[in-house]
Amino acid sequence: KHYFQKDYPSDVLTIPLYKDLASIKKLNKKNNEIIGDLFLNRKLIKKHSKKYKKTLIEEYQLVLVHGLLHLIGYSHEDSKKLSNIENTILKEVWNEK
């Protein structure tokens, strides 16, 4: 509530250490770098999988991809771009054509 100005639970919380992908690309490629933290809400993910008629695995994949995109700088400020990239990745994951 304090950090995200939201008064409801989220299926994923993303806490990036860098503001965008360009900043991440500047890191030394020889080092293992932490780019941030992801916290998954198992209870809400399970609830959403039923609500949106997806398997639990599909819902976890969606939430994970969404969170990873936030880690590299995508935000809901450009939700259309975020959604397009998310869908492109998930089509590959789910082998859709």
Protein backbone atom coordinates (compact mmCIF):
# COMPACT_ATOMS: atom_id res chain seq x y z
CA LYS A 1 0.00 0.00 0.00
CA HIS A 2 2.75 2.42 0.94
CA TYR A 3 5.07 1.80 -2.04
CA PHE A 4 2.59 0.99 -4.81
CA GLN A 5 -0.38 3.16 -3.73
CA LYS A 6 -2.74 0.21 -4.09
CA ASP A 7 -5.12 -1.10 -1.48
CA TYR A 8 -5.63 -4.59 -2.90
CA PRO A 9 -3.48 -7.70 -3.31
CA SER A 10 -1.40 -8.33 -6.40
CA ASP A 11 -0.48 -11.64 -8.01
CA VAL A 12 3.12 -10.41 -8.45
CA LEU A 13 5.22 -7.70 -6.86
CA THR A 14 8.28 -6.61 -8.78
CA ILE A 15 11.06 -4.61 -7.20
CA PRO A 16 13.62 -3.72 -9.88
CA LEU A 17 17.12 -2.50 -9.07
CA TYR A 18 17.51 -0.81 -12.47
CA LYS A 19 15.14 1.54 -14.26
CA ASP A 20 15.31 0.05 -17.76
CA LEU A 21 16.84 -2.56 -20.04
CA ALA A 22 19.53 -0.12 -21.23
CA SER A 23 20.84 0.14 -17.66
CA ILE A 24 20.90 -3.65 -17.35
CA LYS A 25 22.80 -4.00 -20.64
CA LYS A 26 25.58 -1.79 -19.24
CA LEU A 27 26.35 -4.34 -16.52
CA ASN A 28 29.49 -6.45 -16.78
CA LYS A 29 28.44 -9.57 -18.70
CA LYS A 30 31.04 -11.66 -16.87
CA ASN A 31 29.33 -11.07 -13.53
CA ASN A 32 26.18 -12.66 -12.22
CA GLU A 33 23.96 -9.71 -11.43
CA ILE A 34 20.77 -9.43 -9.45
CA ILE A 35 18.35 -7.21 -11.34
CA GLY A 36 15.62 -7.18 -8.71
CA ASP A 37 13.11 -9.26 -6.79
CA LEU A 38 9.82 -10.91 -7.71
CA PHE A 39 7.26 -11.98 -5.16
CA LEU A 40 4.46 -14.28 -6.31
CA ASN A 41 1.13 -14.53 -4.52
CA ARG A 42 0.28 -18.24 -4.85
CA LYS A 43 -3.21 -17.86 -3.41
CA LEU A 44 -4.19 -15.13 -5.87
CA ILE A 45 -2.56 -16.90 -8.82
CA LYS A 46 -4.60 -20.01 -8.05
CA LYS A 47 -7.77 -17.91 -7.76
CA HIS A 48 -7.05 -16.16 -11.07
CA SER A 49 -6.36 -19.43 -12.87
CA LYS A 50 -9.87 -20.58 -12.01
CA LYS A 51 -11.45 -17.19 -12.73
CA TYR A 52 -9.82 -16.87 -16.17
CA LYS A 53 -10.14 -20.60 -16.98
CA LYS A 54 -6.40 -21.23 -17.35
CA THR A 55 -4.31 -24.02 -15.95
CA LEU A 56 -2.33 -23.15 -12.86
CA ILE A 57 0.89 -23.50 -14.89
CA GLU A 58 -0.40 -21.08 -17.55
CA GLU A 59 -1.31 -18.53 -14.90
CA TYR A 60 2.11 -18.85 -13.26
CA GLN A 61 3.77 -18.41 -16.67
CA LEU A 62 1.72 -15.28 -17.33
CA VAL A 63 2.52 -13.78 -13.93
CA LEU A 64 6.20 -14.65 -14.21
CA VAL A 65 6.56 -13.12 -17.69
CA HIS A 66 4.65 -10.04 -16.50
CA GLY A 67 6.91 -9.65 -13.49
CA LEU A 68 10.09 -10.18 -15.52
CA LEU A 69 9.03 -7.47 -17.96
CA HIS A 70 8.58 -5.11 -15.02
CA LEU A 71 12.10 -6.03 -13.85
CA ILE A 72 13.58 -4.80 -17.12
CA GLY A 73 11.66 -1.52 -17.14
CA TYR A 74 8.25 -2.05 -18.72
CA SER A 75 5.40 -0.49 -16.79
CA HIS A 76 1.65 -0.04 -16.84
CA GLU A 77 2.19 3.54 -18.02
CA ASP A 78 2.40 2.00 -21.50
CA SER A 79 0.13 -0.96 -20.82
CA LYS A 80 -0.50 -1.63 -24.51
CA LYS A 81 3.23 -2.12 -25.18
CA LEU A 82 3.58 -4.24 -22.03
CA SER A 83 0.65 -6.40 -23.06
CA ASN A 84 1.90 -6.84 -26.64
CA ILE A 85 5.34 -8.00 -25.52
CA GLU A 86 3.79 -10.24 -22.87
CA ASN A 87 1.51 -11.86 -25.46
CA THR A 88 4.37 -12.35 -27.94
CA ILE A 89 6.44 -14.15 -25.32
CA LEU A 90 3.54 -16.27 -24.08
CA LYS A 91 2.63 -17.35 -27.62
CA GLU A 92 6.16 -18.74 -27.91
CA VAL A 93 5.96 -20.37 -24.47
CA TRP A 94 2.59 -21.90 -25.26
CA ASN A 95 3.63 -22.82 -28.85
CA GLU A 96 0.77 -20.92 -30.43
CA LYS A 97 0.95 -19.81 -34.03
